Amino acid sequence: MKKALISMFAVTILLTGCATAKTDTAAPAAEATKAATAKSDKKVILITPEKIGLNPFFAQEDEGVKKAGQEFGITVKTVESTDASAIEQNLRAAVADNYDLIITSSFESEDALKKVAAENPKKSFAIIDTVVDLPNVRSVVFREHEASYLLGAAAGLATKKNVVGMVAALDIPLIKKYTVGFQEGLKATNPNAKFIVNYVGSFTDPAKAKELALTQFSQGADFIAAASAVGDLGVFEAAKEKGFFTSGQDIDRTVTDPQHIVLSQLKGTDAVAYQTVKDFVNGSFKFGSVDYGLKEDGVGLTFVTKDSKSTLSPFIGQDVVTKVKAIRDDIVSGKVKVENPVK
């Protein structure tokens, strides 16, 4: 099967160094979380492809696995990989340590998992945010285009200048889940709005992303969505300097600058990590590909599907939120179809 979706936060600079590092050194429970009274002898391990400290996307996965471990009384552990070769080493170590379920994440782990899972056909694996087509792997992916549609719909309703932009990472098929979904939502609520999209050319260039955002602002955009991973930081900086409005990805970025970052497209990696462990513990775990969209609460939009600690920006306003909530309900019910642009 072809590669599944790249998370906006899941693509960051990989570090070099030692093979592994345990999560959250300040809290021993992060290295190996055990319930006070074990209800099961099952052991689950999460292996991240990079250090969690750099990436909230992986921090959420860690939280979801810990929550499941505590709730279901199983042993869980999180191990961070510090370079590409460490991913395979950590997977092999988990097999040797006889973990019952081995979870990893993102396209960075694909090659290593394909090798290790194929060599250990009786071992159970799961990977989040991409697809590995093997009979002993559960692949968990997201319908990001549904949340992108909501974001575009909100931008179309909120814009005062009828010019809306997006700074995206790369002009590749997978990113169309963000650009096309957004554009369709924008057209649905404001067919007269102009849409400007520019590509940074990488996932790790805030300076270039800022430059593109400033260019879009000079072309009249009052809302510019950030969809360029680490590059989003450059868009946020430009928004603060020039006073336009923007949005973040994966987690609630509004809390960092609610005056300018007025929305965030959400991806519930904590929820799917928790559900993956829950299914394994209760016997409903199945291999193959499973996807999470608005209906499953796997993706969403701040203020629309999830509350925020931030105050709603007047630029968006409650009327827009109410209208976008209705669109969300129509997508969940099937009344509105948001097609996957990369199928």
Protein backbone atom coordinates (compact mmCIF):
# COMPACT_ATOMS: atom_id res chain seq x y z
CA MET A 1 0.00 0.00 0.00
CA LYS A 2 1.11 3.55 -0.52
CA LYS A 3 2.37 5.67 2.35
CA ALA A 4 -0.21 7.19 4.59
CA LEU A 5 -0.37 10.70 5.90
CA ILE A 6 2.48 12.73 7.26
CA SER A 7 1.69 14.56 10.46
CA MET A 8 2.59 18.23 10.43
CA PHE A 9 4.41 17.84 13.72
CA ALA A 10 5.74 14.39 12.97
CA VAL A 11 8.33 15.73 10.55
CA THR A 12 11.10 17.47 12.51
CA ILE A 13 14.86 17.39 12.52
CA LEU A 14 16.13 14.00 13.65
CA LEU A 15 18.87 14.13 16.25
CA THR A 16 22.08 12.17 16.18
CA GLY A 17 23.53 10.48 19.20
CA CYS A 18 22.96 7.44 21.35
CA ALA A 19 20.54 4.74 20.40
CA THR A 20 17.78 5.27 22.92
CA ALA A 21 16.54 7.53 25.65
CA LYS A 22 13.69 6.97 28.07
CA THR A 23 10.79 9.40 28.13
CA ASP A 24 10.28 12.07 30.76
CA THR A 25 13.35 11.62 32.92
CA ALA A 26 11.76 13.78 35.62
CA ALA A 27 9.08 11.17 36.18
CA PRO A 28 10.08 7.51 36.65
CA ALA A 29 6.58 6.44 35.64
CA ALA A 30 7.31 7.58 32.10
CA GLU A 31 10.03 4.98 31.64
CA ALA A 32 7.84 2.12 32.68
CA THR A 33 4.35 2.80 33.93
CA LYS A 34 2.83 0.02 36.03
CA ALA A 35 -0.51 -0.07 37.76
CA ALA A 36 -0.36 -0.50 41.52
CA THR A 37 -2.29 -3.74 41.25
CA ALA A 38 -1.71 -5.44 37.93
CA LYS A 39 -4.86 -6.62 36.21
CA SER A 40 -3.01 -8.18 33.28
CA ASP A 41 0.42 -9.56 32.50
CA LYS A 42 0.41 -7.92 29.06
CA LYS A 43 3.29 -5.58 28.22
CA VAL A 44 3.03 -2.74 25.71
CA ILE A 45 5.83 -0.53 24.45
CA LEU A 46 5.75 2.71 22.46
CA ILE A 47 8.83 3.45 20.37
CA THR A 48 8.97 7.00 19.02
CA PRO A 49 11.10 7.78 15.96
CA GLU A 50 12.61 10.87 17.59
CA LYS A 51 12.89 12.56 20.95
CA ILE A 52 9.54 13.50 22.42
CA GLY A 53 10.86 16.77 23.77
CA LEU A 54 10.98 18.15 20.25
CA ASN A 55 7.54 17.08 19.21
CA PRO A 56 4.15 17.46 20.92
CA PHE A 57 2.71 14.98 18.41
CA PHE A 58 4.69 12.17 20.06
CA ALA A 59 4.10 13.53 23.56
CA GLN A 60 0.39 12.96 23.02
CA GLU A 61 1.01 9.35 22.00
CA ASP A 62 3.04 8.84 25.16
CA GLU A 63 0.19 10.28 27.25
CA GLY A 64 -2.35 7.99 25.57
CA VAL A 65 -0.29 4.87 26.21
CA LYS A 66 0.32 5.84 29.85
CA LYS A 67 -3.38 6.49 30.39
CA ALA A 68 -4.23 3.05 29.02
CA GLY A 69 -1.56 1.42 31.15
CA GLN A 70 -2.93 2.96 34.31
CA GLU A 71 -6.56 2.30 33.42
CA PHE A 72 -6.16 -1.32 32.37
CA GLY A 73 -3.44 -2.34 34.80
CA ILE A 74 -0.79 -3.33 32.27
CA THR A 75 2.90 -2.62 32.02
CA VAL A 76 3.70 0.10 29.51
CA LYS A 77 6.96 1.71 28.51
CA THR A 78 8.03 4.48 26.14
CA VAL A 79 11.41 4.57 24.43
CA GLU A 80 12.64 7.46 22.30
CA SER A 81 14.84 6.89 19.26
CA THR A 82 17.60 9.41 18.74
CA ASP A 83 18.44 8.62 15.13
CA ALA A 84 17.07 6.58 12.23
CA SER A 85 19.15 3.50 12.96
CA ALA A 86 17.96 3.49 16.57
CA ILE A 87 14.36 2.88 15.49
CA GLU A 88 15.19 -0.59 14.19
CA GLN A 89 17.42 -1.31 17.18
CA ASN A 90 14.64 -0.36 19.57
CA LEU A 91 12.07 -2.48 17.72
CA ARG A 92 14.37 -5.48 17.87
CA ALA A 93 15.05 -4.90 21.56
CA ALA A 94 11.29 -4.80 22.22
CA VAL A 95 10.88 -8.14 20.45
CA ALA A 96 13.73 -9.61 22.48
CA ASP A 97 12.14 -8.28 25.68
CA ASN A 98 8.94 -10.10 24.68
CA TYR A 99 6.56 -7.13 24.62
CA ASP A 100 3.08 -8.28 23.62
CA LEU A 101 2.29 -5.16 21.55
CA ILE A 102 4.91 -2.93 20.00
CA ILE A 103 3.70 0.49 18.84
CA THR A 104 5.66 2.97 16.77
CA SER A 105 4.79 6.05 14.74
CA SER A 106 5.15 8.07 11.54
CA PHE A 107 6.69 7.45 8.15
CA GLU A 108 10.14 7.62 9.77
CA SER A 109 9.53 4.19 11.28
CA GLU A 110 8.11 2.50 8.17
CA ASP A 111 11.25 0.85 6.81
CA ALA A 112 12.39 -0.44 10.19
CA LEU A 113 8.96 -1.81 11.05
CA LYS A 114 8.61 -3.56 7.70
CA LYS A 115 11.83 -5.46 8.38
CA VAL A 116 11.23 -6.31 12.03
CA ALA A 117 7.54 -7.18 11.69
CA ALA A 118 8.18 -9.39 8.66
CA GLU A 119 10.88 -11.27 10.60
CA ASN A 120 8.57 -11.74 13.60
CA PRO A 121 5.19 -12.77 12.13
CA LYS A 122 3.79 -13.97 15.47
CA LYS A 123 4.46 -10.65 17.20
CA SER A 124 1.83 -7.87 17.24
CA PHE A 125 2.74 -4.39 16.03
CA ALA A 126 0.97 -1.09 15.45
CA ILE A 127 2.06 2.10 13.72
CA ILE A 128 0.38 5.50 14.01
CA ASP A 129 0.03 8.03 11.18
CA THR A 130 1.15 5.84 8.29
CA VAL A 131 0.52 2.43 6.73
CA VAL A 132 2.65 -0.71 6.85
CA ASP A 133 0.83 -3.43 4.92
CA LEU A 134 1.77 -6.58 6.82
CA PRO A 135 -0.56 -9.18 8.39
CA ASN A 136 0.74 -8.58 11.93
CA VAL A 137 0.58 -4.77 11.86
CA ARG A 138 -2.29 -2.45 12.70
CA SER A 139 -1.89 0.84 10.79
CA VAL A 140 -3.66 3.83 12.32
CA VAL A 141 -4.25 6.79 10.00
CA PHE A 142 -6.31 9.97 10.06
CA ARG A 143 -8.79 11.71 7.78
CA GLU A 144 -7.04 15.07 8.06
CA HIS A 145 -8.95 16.38 5.05
CA GLU A 146 -12.12 16.48 7.16
CA ALA A 147 -10.53 18.81 9.71
CA SER A 148 -8.90 20.84 6.93
CA TYR A 149 -12.35 21.30 5.42
CA LEU A 150 -13.62 22.73 8.72
CA LEU A 151 -10.62 25.05 8.94
CA GLY A 152 -11.20 26.31 5.41
CA ALA A 153 -14.91 26.76 6.11
CA ALA A 154 -14.10 28.84 9.19
CA ALA A 155 -11.60 30.95 7.24
CA GLY A 156 -14.17 31.58 4.52
CA LEU A 157 -16.71 32.80 7.05
CA ALA A 158 -14.23 34.89 9.06
CA THR A 159 -12.18 36.65 6.38
CA LYS A 160 -12.87 40.34 5.99
CA LYS A 161 -10.78 40.79 2.84
CA ASN A 162 -11.87 37.68 0.94
CA VAL A 163 -8.24 36.69 0.59
CA VAL A 164 -7.04 33.61 2.48
CA GLY A 165 -3.66 31.89 2.34
CA MET A 166 -1.89 28.71 3.38
CA VAL A 167 1.82 28.08 3.82
CA ALA A 168 2.31 24.35 3.28
CA ALA A 169 5.38 22.18 3.59
CA LEU A 170 5.78 20.45 0.21
CA ASP A 171 3.83 20.17 -3.02
CA ILE A 172 3.38 16.42 -2.73
CA PRO A 173 0.25 14.25 -2.85
CA LEU A 174 0.06 13.68 0.90
CA ILE A 175 -0.09 17.40 1.68
CA LYS A 176 -3.15 17.70 -0.54
CA LYS A 177 -5.15 16.39 2.42
CA TYR A 178 -4.44 19.79 3.93
CA THR A 179 -4.49 22.10 0.92
CA VAL A 180 -7.39 20.54 -1.00
CA GLY A 181 -9.50 19.92 2.08
CA PHE A 182 -8.99 23.52 3.16
CA GLN A 183 -9.80 24.92 -0.26
CA GLU A 184 -13.01 22.88 -0.51
CA GLY A 185 -14.18 24.11 2.87
CA LEU A 186 -13.33 27.68 1.92
CA LYS A 187 -15.30 27.47 -1.31
CA ALA A 188 -18.27 25.94 0.47
CA THR A 189 -18.71 28.94 2.77
CA ASN A 190 -17.23 31.71 0.63
CA PRO A 191 -17.02 30.93 -3.09
CA ASN A 192 -15.79 34.46 -3.80
CA ALA A 193 -12.72 34.19 -1.57
CA LYS A 194 -9.31 34.04 -3.21
CA PHE A 195 -7.05 31.22 -2.02
CA ILE A 196 -3.25 31.57 -2.11
CA VAL A 197 -1.06 28.56 -1.36
CA ASN A 198 2.73 28.48 -1.31
CA TYR A 199 5.11 25.64 -0.48
CA VAL A 200 8.16 25.95 1.74
CA GLY A 201 10.00 23.05 0.12
CA SER A 202 10.74 21.32 3.42
CA PHE A 203 9.28 20.60 6.84
CA THR A 204 12.01 22.37 8.78
CA ASP A 205 12.42 25.92 7.47
CA PRO A 206 10.73 28.62 9.58
CA ALA A 207 12.62 31.40 7.79
CA LYS A 208 11.25 30.41 4.38
CA ALA A 209 7.76 29.87 5.80
CA LYS A 210 7.83 33.36 7.33
CA GLU A 211 8.92 34.86 4.01
CA LEU A 212 6.02 33.18 2.20
CA ALA A 213 3.54 34.28 4.86
CA LEU A 214 4.71 37.88 4.55
CA THR A 215 4.29 37.65 0.77
CA GLN A 216 0.72 36.35 1.16
CA PHE A 217 -0.01 39.14 3.64
CA SER A 218 1.25 41.70 1.10
CA GLN A 219 -1.22 40.18 -1.39
CA GLY A 220 -4.09 40.96 0.96
CA ALA A 221 -4.55 37.80 3.00
CA ASP A 222 -5.94 38.42 6.48
CA PHE A 223 -5.93 34.72 7.42
CA ILE A 224 -2.97 32.46 6.58
CA ALA A 225 -3.11 28.83 7.67
CA ALA A 226 0.18 27.27 8.76
CA ALA A 227 0.75 23.72 7.51
CA SER A 228 4.52 23.42 7.28
CA ALA A 229 5.56 21.53 10.45
CA VAL A 230 8.51 23.34 12.03
CA GLY A 231 7.96 26.07 9.43
CA ASP A 232 4.75 27.00 11.24
CA LEU A 233 6.87 28.87 13.76
CA GLY A 234 7.86 31.30 11.01
CA VAL A 235 4.23 31.85 10.04
CA PHE A 236 3.35 32.54 13.68
CA GLU A 237 6.18 35.06 13.90
CA ALA A 238 5.01 36.85 10.77
CA ALA A 239 1.43 36.97 12.08
CA LYS A 240 2.60 38.60 15.28
CA GLU A 241 4.67 41.17 13.40
CA LYS A 242 2.05 42.11 10.82
CA GLY A 243 -1.17 41.52 12.73
CA PHE A 244 -2.81 38.94 10.47
CA PHE A 245 -4.48 35.77 11.74
CA THR A 246 -3.25 32.21 11.46
CA SER A 247 -3.81 28.64 12.64
CA GLY A 248 -1.71 25.77 13.95
CA GLN A 249 -1.63 22.00 13.50
CA ASP A 250 -2.06 18.83 15.55
CA ILE A 251 -2.32 20.38 19.03
CA ASP A 252 -3.96 23.55 20.32
CA ARG A 253 -1.49 26.21 19.26
CA THR A 254 -3.86 29.07 20.12
CA VAL A 255 -2.62 29.00 23.71
CA THR A 256 0.79 30.34 22.65
CA ASP A 257 -0.60 33.49 20.98
CA PRO A 258 -4.40 33.63 21.01
CA GLN A 259 -4.38 37.13 19.54
CA HIS A 260 -2.98 35.87 16.23
CA ILE A 261 -3.17 32.05 16.28
CA VAL A 262 -6.96 31.88 16.33
CA LEU A 263 -7.59 28.23 15.40
CA SER A 264 -5.79 24.89 15.37
CA GLN A 265 -6.43 21.82 13.27
CA LEU A 266 -6.24 18.93 15.72
CA LYS A 267 -5.02 15.36 15.46
CA GLY A 268 -5.77 13.08 18.42
CA THR A 269 -2.69 10.90 18.61
CA ASP A 270 -3.31 10.49 22.34
CA ALA A 271 -6.82 9.14 21.70
CA VAL A 272 -5.74 6.65 19.04
CA ALA A 273 -2.77 5.43 21.09
CA TYR A 274 -5.11 4.87 24.02
CA GLN A 275 -7.67 3.11 21.81
CA THR A 276 -5.00 0.88 20.27
CA VAL A 277 -3.91 -0.36 23.69
CA LYS A 278 -7.51 -0.66 24.87
CA ASP A 279 -8.44 -2.82 21.88
CA PHE A 280 -5.41 -5.03 22.48
CA VAL A 281 -6.26 -5.53 26.14
CA ASN A 282 -9.98 -6.23 25.64
CA GLY A 283 -9.50 -8.58 22.69
CA SER A 284 -10.97 -6.40 19.94
CA PHE A 285 -7.60 -5.58 18.38
CA LYS A 286 -7.47 -6.30 14.63
CA PHE A 287 -4.67 -5.94 12.13
CA GLY A 288 -4.97 -3.92 8.94
CA SER A 289 -5.66 -0.23 8.41
CA VAL A 290 -8.03 1.77 10.62
CA ASP A 291 -8.70 5.45 10.16
CA TYR A 292 -9.98 8.17 12.43
CA GLY A 293 -11.86 11.27 11.35
CA LEU A 294 -14.37 13.67 12.82
CA LYS A 295 -16.81 10.89 13.67
CA GLU A 296 -14.23 9.03 15.77
CA ASP A 297 -12.86 12.25 17.27
CA GLY A 298 -9.49 11.52 15.69
CA VAL A 299 -9.26 14.94 14.04
CA GLY A 300 -10.91 18.23 14.82
CA LEU A 301 -10.76 21.99 15.16
CA THR A 302 -10.40 24.13 18.27
CA PHE A 303 -13.62 25.75 19.50
CA VAL A 304 -15.60 23.55 17.09
CA THR A 305 -14.86 19.99 18.21
CA LYS A 306 -12.73 20.76 21.27
CA ASP A 307 -12.77 23.52 23.83
CA SER A 308 -9.66 25.63 24.31
CA LYS A 309 -8.03 27.35 27.24
CA SER A 310 -7.78 30.39 24.96
CA THR A 311 -10.48 32.98 24.53
CA LEU A 312 -12.20 32.82 21.16
CA SER A 313 -10.85 35.54 18.86
CA PRO A 314 -13.33 38.20 17.71
CA PHE A 315 -11.99 37.58 14.20
CA ILE A 316 -13.61 34.14 14.32
CA GLY A 317 -16.51 34.88 16.65
CA GLN A 318 -19.23 32.64 18.03
CA ASP A 319 -21.42 32.91 14.94
CA VAL A 320 -18.69 31.35 12.80
CA VAL A 321 -18.11 28.61 15.37
CA THR A 322 -21.83 27.79 15.42
CA LYS A 323 -21.96 27.53 11.62
CA VAL A 324 -18.83 25.36 11.44
CA LYS A 325 -20.21 23.08 14.15
CA ALA A 326 -23.23 22.49 11.91
CA ILE A 327 -20.87 21.62 9.03
CA ARG A 328 -19.04 19.23 11.32
CA ASP A 329 -22.35 17.52 12.13
CA ASP A 330 -23.17 17.23 8.42
CA ILE A 331 -19.81 15.58 7.72
CA VAL A 332 -20.28 13.10 10.55
CA SER A 333 -23.81 12.25 9.40
CA GLY A 334 -22.68 11.82 5.80
CA LYS A 335 -24.75 14.73 4.49
CA VAL A 336 -21.52 16.48 3.45
CA LYS A 337 -18.89 14.28 1.79
CA VAL A 338 -15.24 15.30 2.05
CA GLU A 339 -13.30 13.14 -0.36
CA ASN A 340 -9.78 11.96 0.34
CA PRO A 341 -7.71 13.78 -2.33
CA VAL A 342 -4.85 11.27 -2.26
CA LYS A 343 -6.80 8.08 -2.95
